[in-house]
Amino acid sequence: NPRFVVASMMEAAETWNDPSVPGYWKETAQQLLDRWTTHEEWVLQVKSRVPKRIHTIRLEDLAEEPVQIMSETLEFLDLESSSEIEELVANWVWENPNERHQSFELTISPRAYQIMRSYGYEN
């Protein structure tokens, strides 16, 4: 969900005083959404050409079904899972994953909405 990306970038930008950090990390929520939209358009274009080389993981899915999503990801990478990995992932706790993402106003542009729908988001 782009709201998660925007919130994460805004939060990270607040903690960085390093002048080498790109200025776009400190843009407004709307500017960050536009940047996310452009990047996701590129990803979807590439994925349409080589679908077997790009694996999409939605953060919400990873939070809700971490073992399943991690297993699918390892399989995509042609790596084996183990009981240790599954146990580690199963014990991963995500408390209130959406709480911080509602702390700012974000108007979803038509371009962003189209990308969101391709990932199964309604808004």
N, C-alpha and C. Protein backbone atom coordinates (compact mmCIF):
# COMPACT_ATOMS: atom_id res chain seq x y z
N ASN A 1 0.85 -1.17 0.00
CA ASN A 1 0.00 0.00 0.00
C ASN A 1 0.89 1.23 0.00
N PRO A 2 0.62 2.17 -0.87
CA PRO A 2 1.50 3.35 -0.94
C PRO A 2 1.53 4.15 0.36
N ARG A 3 0.46 4.08 1.13
CA ARG A 3 0.44 4.80 2.40
C ARG A 3 1.56 4.31 3.31
N PHE A 4 1.83 3.00 3.28
CA PHE A 4 2.90 2.43 4.10
C PHE A 4 4.26 2.96 3.64
N VAL A 5 4.46 3.02 2.33
CA VAL A 5 5.73 3.51 1.79
C VAL A 5 5.93 4.97 2.15
N VAL A 6 4.89 5.77 1.93
CA VAL A 6 4.97 7.20 2.25
C VAL A 6 5.26 7.41 3.73
N ALA A 7 4.53 6.71 4.59
CA ALA A 7 4.74 6.86 6.04
C ALA A 7 6.15 6.45 6.43
N SER A 8 6.64 5.37 5.86
CA SER A 8 7.99 4.90 6.18
C SER A 8 9.04 5.91 5.74
N MET A 9 8.88 6.47 4.54
CA MET A 9 9.84 7.45 4.05
C MET A 9 9.80 8.72 4.90
N MET A 10 8.60 9.15 5.28
CA MET A 10 8.49 10.35 6.11
C MET A 10 9.13 10.13 7.48
N GLU A 11 8.91 8.97 8.04
CA GLU A 11 9.48 8.65 9.35
C GLU A 11 11.01 8.59 9.27
N ALA A 12 11.53 7.94 8.25
CA ALA A 12 12.98 7.84 8.09
C ALA A 12 13.60 9.22 7.87
N ALA A 13 12.96 10.04 7.06
CA ALA A 13 13.51 11.37 6.76
C ALA A 13 13.64 12.22 8.03
N GLU A 14 12.74 12.02 8.98
CA GLU A 14 12.80 12.79 10.23
C GLU A 14 14.02 12.42 11.07
N THR A 15 14.54 11.23 10.89
CA THR A 15 15.65 10.77 11.73
C THR A 15 17.01 10.97 11.07
N TRP A 16 17.03 11.35 9.81
CA TRP A 16 18.30 11.49 9.10
C TRP A 16 18.73 12.95 9.02
N ASN A 17 19.89 13.25 9.53
CA ASN A 17 20.48 14.58 9.39
C ASN A 17 21.68 14.55 8.47
N ASP A 18 21.85 13.45 7.79
CA ASP A 18 22.97 13.24 6.89
C ASP A 18 22.72 14.00 5.58
N PRO A 19 23.63 14.88 5.18
CA PRO A 19 23.41 15.64 3.94
C PRO A 19 23.44 14.78 2.67
N SER A 20 23.94 13.55 2.78
CA SER A 20 23.98 12.69 1.59
C SER A 20 22.64 12.01 1.31
N VAL A 21 21.69 12.14 2.26
CA VAL A 21 20.36 11.55 2.04
C VAL A 21 19.66 12.35 0.94
N PRO A 22 19.15 11.67 -0.09
CA PRO A 22 18.48 12.38 -1.19
C PRO A 22 17.35 13.27 -0.69
N GLY A 23 17.25 14.44 -1.27
CA GLY A 23 16.24 15.41 -0.87
C GLY A 23 14.81 14.93 -1.02
N TYR A 24 14.57 14.02 -1.97
CA TYR A 24 13.20 13.58 -2.18
C TYR A 24 12.64 12.81 -0.99
N TRP A 25 13.50 12.33 -0.10
CA TRP A 25 13.01 11.65 1.10
C TRP A 25 12.29 12.63 2.02
N LYS A 26 12.50 13.91 1.81
CA LYS A 26 11.90 14.92 2.68
C LYS A 26 10.77 15.67 1.97
N GLU A 27 10.27 15.11 0.89
CA GLU A 27 9.17 15.73 0.16
C GLU A 27 7.86 15.57 0.93
N THR A 28 6.82 16.21 0.42
CA THR A 28 5.50 16.08 1.03
C THR A 28 4.95 14.69 0.76
N ALA A 29 3.91 14.34 1.51
CA ALA A 29 3.27 13.03 1.32
C ALA A 29 2.79 12.89 -0.13
N GLN A 30 2.22 13.92 -0.69
CA GLN A 30 1.71 13.85 -2.06
C GLN A 30 2.84 13.66 -3.06
N GLN A 31 3.97 14.32 -2.85
CA GLN A 31 5.11 14.15 -3.74
C GLN A 31 5.68 12.74 -3.63
N LEU A 32 5.73 12.22 -2.42
CA LEU A 32 6.21 10.85 -2.23
C LEU A 32 5.27 9.85 -2.88
N LEU A 33 3.97 10.10 -2.79
CA LEU A 33 3.00 9.23 -3.46
C LEU A 33 3.22 9.24 -4.96
N ASP A 34 3.46 10.42 -5.53
CA ASP A 34 3.70 10.51 -6.97
C ASP A 34 4.96 9.75 -7.35
N ARG A 35 6.00 9.84 -6.53
CA ARG A 35 7.25 9.11 -6.79
C ARG A 35 6.98 7.59 -6.71
N TRP A 36 6.22 7.16 -5.69
CA TRP A 36 5.86 5.73 -5.56
C TRP A 36 5.11 5.27 -6.81
N THR A 37 4.17 6.08 -7.27
CA THR A 37 3.36 5.72 -8.44
C THR A 37 4.25 5.52 -9.66
N THR A 38 5.16 6.44 -9.89
CA THR A 38 6.07 6.33 -11.04
C THR A 38 6.90 5.06 -10.94
N HIS A 39 7.47 4.81 -9.76
CA HIS A 39 8.30 3.61 -9.59
C HIS A 39 7.49 2.33 -9.80
N GLU A 40 6.28 2.29 -9.27
CA GLU A 40 5.46 1.09 -9.43
C GLU A 40 5.00 0.91 -10.87
N GLU A 41 4.79 2.01 -11.60
CA GLU A 41 4.48 1.88 -13.02
C GLU A 41 5.64 1.19 -13.74
N TRP A 42 6.87 1.58 -13.41
CA TRP A 42 8.05 0.94 -14.01
C TRP A 42 8.09 -0.54 -13.66
N VAL A 43 7.87 -0.86 -12.40
CA VAL A 43 7.91 -2.26 -11.95
C VAL A 43 6.86 -3.09 -12.71
N LEU A 44 5.65 -2.57 -12.81
CA LEU A 44 4.60 -3.31 -13.48
C LEU A 44 4.88 -3.48 -14.98
N GLN A 45 5.53 -2.49 -15.59
CA GLN A 45 5.91 -2.63 -17.00
C GLN A 45 6.91 -3.76 -17.17
N VAL A 46 7.91 -3.79 -16.31
CA VAL A 46 8.92 -4.86 -16.39
C VAL A 46 8.27 -6.20 -16.08
N LYS A 47 7.43 -6.22 -15.04
CA LYS A 47 6.77 -7.48 -14.66
C LYS A 47 5.90 -8.02 -15.79
N SER A 48 5.29 -7.13 -16.58
CA SER A 48 4.46 -7.61 -17.69
C SER A 48 5.31 -8.26 -18.78
N ARG A 49 6.59 -7.87 -18.86
CA ARG A 49 7.49 -8.45 -19.87
C ARG A 49 8.18 -9.72 -19.38
N VAL A 50 8.50 -9.76 -18.09
CA VAL A 50 9.20 -10.92 -17.53
C VAL A 50 8.56 -11.31 -16.20
N PRO A 51 7.33 -11.81 -16.24
CA PRO A 51 6.58 -12.06 -15.00
C PRO A 51 7.22 -13.07 -14.06
N LYS A 52 8.01 -13.98 -14.59
CA LYS A 52 8.60 -15.01 -13.74
C LYS A 52 9.85 -14.52 -13.02
N ARG A 53 10.27 -13.28 -13.29
CA ARG A 53 11.49 -12.77 -12.67
C ARG A 53 11.22 -11.76 -11.56
N ILE A 54 9.96 -11.39 -11.36
CA ILE A 54 9.62 -10.41 -10.33
C ILE A 54 8.56 -11.01 -9.42
N HIS A 55 8.82 -10.99 -8.14
CA HIS A 55 7.91 -11.54 -7.14
C HIS A 55 7.39 -10.39 -6.28
N THR A 56 6.09 -10.24 -6.22
CA THR A 56 5.47 -9.16 -5.46
C THR A 56 5.07 -9.65 -4.08
N ILE A 57 5.43 -8.87 -3.08
CA ILE A 57 5.04 -9.15 -1.70
C ILE A 57 4.34 -7.91 -1.15
N ARG A 58 3.11 -8.09 -0.72
CA ARG A 58 2.40 -7.00 -0.07
C ARG A 58 2.68 -7.07 1.43
N LEU A 59 2.99 -5.94 2.01
CA LEU A 59 3.33 -5.88 3.43
C LEU A 59 2.21 -6.46 4.29
N GLU A 60 0.97 -6.15 3.96
CA GLU A 60 -0.15 -6.66 4.74
C GLU A 60 -0.20 -8.18 4.72
N ASP A 61 0.08 -8.76 3.56
CA ASP A 61 0.08 -10.21 3.44
C ASP A 61 1.20 -10.82 4.27
N LEU A 62 2.36 -10.18 4.24
CA LEU A 62 3.49 -10.65 5.04
C LEU A 62 3.16 -10.58 6.53
N ALA A 63 2.48 -9.52 6.94
CA ALA A 63 2.11 -9.38 8.36
C ALA A 63 1.05 -10.39 8.77
N GLU A 64 0.10 -10.69 7.87
CA GLU A 64 -0.99 -11.61 8.20
C GLU A 64 -0.60 -13.08 8.09
N GLU A 65 0.20 -13.41 7.10
CA GLU A 65 0.58 -14.81 6.84
C GLU A 65 2.09 -14.90 6.62
N PRO A 66 2.89 -14.57 7.63
CA PRO A 66 4.34 -14.49 7.42
C PRO A 66 4.98 -15.80 6.97
N VAL A 67 4.57 -16.92 7.53
CA VAL A 67 5.20 -18.20 7.16
C VAL A 67 4.88 -18.54 5.70
N GLN A 68 3.64 -18.39 5.32
CA GLN A 68 3.24 -18.71 3.95
C GLN A 68 3.95 -17.79 2.95
N ILE A 69 3.95 -16.49 3.23
CA ILE A 69 4.57 -15.54 2.30
C ILE A 69 6.08 -15.77 2.22
N MET A 70 6.71 -16.03 3.37
CA MET A 70 8.15 -16.29 3.35
C MET A 70 8.45 -17.58 2.59
N SER A 71 7.63 -18.61 2.76
CA SER A 71 7.83 -19.87 2.03
C SER A 71 7.71 -19.64 0.53
N GLU A 72 6.69 -18.88 0.13
CA GLU A 72 6.51 -18.58 -1.29
C GLU A 72 7.69 -17.79 -1.84
N THR A 73 8.20 -16.87 -1.04
CA THR A 73 9.33 -16.05 -1.48
C THR A 73 10.59 -16.89 -1.61
N LEU A 74 10.85 -17.75 -0.65
CA LEU A 74 12.01 -18.63 -0.73
C LEU A 74 11.90 -19.56 -1.94
N GLU A 75 10.70 -20.06 -2.19
CA GLU A 75 10.49 -20.92 -3.36
C GLU A 75 10.76 -20.14 -4.64
N PHE A 76 10.28 -18.90 -4.71
CA PHE A 76 10.53 -18.06 -5.88
C PHE A 76 12.03 -17.88 -6.11
N LEU A 77 12.78 -17.75 -5.01
CA LEU A 77 14.24 -17.57 -5.09
C LEU A 77 14.99 -18.88 -5.26
N ASP A 78 14.23 -19.96 -5.34
CA ASP A 78 14.80 -21.31 -5.46
C ASP A 78 15.69 -21.65 -4.26
N LEU A 79 15.20 -21.24 -3.08
CA LEU A 79 15.88 -21.53 -1.82
C LEU A 79 14.99 -22.41 -0.97
N GLU A 80 15.60 -23.19 -0.11
CA GLU A 80 14.84 -24.06 0.77
C GLU A 80 14.55 -23.37 2.09
N SER A 81 13.41 -23.67 2.63
CA SER A 81 13.06 -23.20 3.96
C SER A 81 13.54 -24.23 4.97
N SER A 82 13.43 -23.88 6.22
CA SER A 82 13.78 -24.83 7.29
C SER A 82 12.82 -24.59 8.44
N SER A 83 12.76 -25.52 9.35
CA SER A 83 11.89 -25.35 10.51
C SER A 83 12.35 -24.16 11.34
N GLU A 84 13.65 -23.90 11.38
CA GLU A 84 14.17 -22.76 12.13
C GLU A 84 13.67 -21.44 11.52
N ILE A 85 13.71 -21.36 10.21
CA ILE A 85 13.23 -20.15 9.53
C ILE A 85 11.73 -20.00 9.75
N GLU A 86 10.98 -21.08 9.59
CA GLU A 86 9.54 -21.02 9.78
C GLU A 86 9.18 -20.62 11.20
N GLU A 87 9.91 -21.13 12.18
CA GLU A 87 9.64 -20.77 13.57
C GLU A 87 9.95 -19.30 13.83
N LEU A 88 11.07 -18.83 13.29
CA LEU A 88 11.44 -17.43 13.44
C LEU A 88 10.37 -16.52 12.83
N VAL A 89 9.95 -16.86 11.63
CA VAL A 89 8.94 -16.05 10.93
C VAL A 89 7.59 -16.14 11.65
N ALA A 90 7.23 -17.32 12.13
CA ALA A 90 5.94 -17.50 12.81
C ALA A 90 5.86 -16.68 14.09
N ASN A 91 6.99 -16.46 14.73
CA ASN A 91 7.00 -15.71 15.99
C ASN A 91 7.15 -14.20 15.79
N TRP A 92 7.23 -13.80 14.56
CA TRP A 92 7.33 -12.39 14.24
C TRP A 92 6.00 -11.73 14.59
N VAL A 93 6.04 -10.71 15.39
CA VAL A 93 4.81 -10.05 15.83
C VAL A 93 4.77 -8.65 15.25
N TRP A 94 3.64 -8.32 14.70
CA TRP A 94 3.44 -6.99 14.12
C TRP A 94 2.28 -6.35 14.86
N GLU A 95 2.57 -5.45 15.75
CA GLU A 95 1.52 -4.81 16.53
C GLU A 95 1.03 -3.55 15.82
N ASN A 96 -0.27 -3.44 15.64
CA ASN A 96 -0.90 -2.27 15.03
C ASN A 96 -0.19 -1.83 13.75
N PRO A 97 -0.14 -2.67 12.73
CA PRO A 97 0.64 -2.34 11.54
C PRO A 97 0.13 -1.11 10.79
N ASN A 98 -1.12 -0.77 10.93
CA ASN A 98 -1.66 0.35 10.17
C ASN A 98 -1.73 1.66 10.95
N GLU A 99 -1.45 1.62 12.23
CA GLU A 99 -1.62 2.78 13.09
C GLU A 99 -0.88 4.02 12.60
N ARG A 100 0.40 3.91 12.36
CA ARG A 100 1.18 5.08 11.98
C ARG A 100 0.87 5.57 10.56
N HIS A 101 0.29 4.70 9.76
CA HIS A 101 0.03 5.05 8.38
C HIS A 101 -1.22 5.91 8.20
N GLN A 102 -1.94 6.13 9.26
CA GLN A 102 -3.14 6.95 9.19
C GLN A 102 -2.90 8.35 9.75
N SER A 103 -1.65 8.69 10.03
CA SER A 103 -1.34 9.93 10.74
C SER A 103 -1.20 11.15 9.83
N PHE A 104 -1.46 11.00 8.54
CA PHE A 104 -1.34 12.14 7.63
C PHE A 104 -2.38 12.02 6.53
N GLU A 105 -2.67 13.14 5.92
CA GLU A 105 -3.65 13.18 4.83
C GLU A 105 -2.96 12.80 3.53
N LEU A 106 -3.60 11.96 2.75
CA LEU A 106 -3.04 11.54 1.47
C LEU A 106 -4.17 11.37 0.48
N THR A 107 -4.16 12.20 -0.55
CA THR A 107 -5.16 12.11 -1.60
C THR A 107 -4.60 11.20 -2.69
N ILE A 108 -5.32 10.14 -2.98
CA ILE A 108 -4.86 9.15 -3.96
C ILE A 108 -5.18 9.66 -5.37
N SER A 109 -4.14 9.84 -6.17
CA SER A 109 -4.32 10.30 -7.54
C SER A 109 -4.89 9.16 -8.39
N PRO A 110 -5.47 9.50 -9.54
CA PRO A 110 -5.97 8.43 -10.42
C PRO A 110 -4.87 7.45 -10.85
N ARG A 111 -3.67 7.94 -11.12
CA ARG A 111 -2.55 7.05 -11.48
C ARG A 111 -2.24 6.11 -10.34
N ALA A 112 -2.13 6.65 -9.11
CA ALA A 112 -1.82 5.82 -7.95
C ALA A 112 -2.94 4.81 -7.71
N TYR A 113 -4.18 5.23 -7.89
CA TYR A 113 -5.31 4.33 -7.67
C TYR A 113 -5.25 3.16 -8.65
N GLN A 114 -4.88 3.43 -9.88
CA GLN A 114 -4.77 2.36 -10.88
C GLN A 114 -3.71 1.35 -10.46
N ILE A 115 -2.57 1.82 -9.97
CA ILE A 115 -1.51 0.93 -9.50
C ILE A 115 -2.00 0.15 -8.28
N MET A 116 -2.65 0.83 -7.36
CA MET A 116 -3.16 0.17 -6.15
C MET A 116 -4.11 -0.96 -6.51
N ARG A 117 -4.99 -0.72 -7.46
CA ARG A 117 -5.94 -1.77 -7.87
C ARG A 117 -5.21 -2.98 -8.45
N SER A 118 -4.10 -2.74 -9.17
CA SER A 118 -3.37 -3.87 -9.73
C SER A 118 -2.77 -4.76 -8.63
N TYR A 119 -2.54 -4.17 -7.43
CA TYR A 119 -2.04 -4.92 -6.29
C TYR A 119 -3.16 -5.39 -5.36
N GLY A 120 -4.40 -5.11 -5.72
CA GLY A 120 -5.53 -5.59 -4.92
C GLY A 120 -5.98 -4.64 -3.84
N TYR A 121 -5.55 -3.38 -3.89
CA TYR A 121 -6.00 -2.38 -2.91
C TYR A 121 -7.17 -1.61 -3.47
N GLU A 122 -8.11 -1.30 -2.61
CA GLU A 122 -9.25 -0.48 -3.05
C GLU A 122 -9.05 0.98 -2.71
N ASN A 123 -8.35 1.26 -1.61
CA ASN A 123 -8.05 2.66 -1.26
C ASN A 123 -7.13 2.72 -0.09
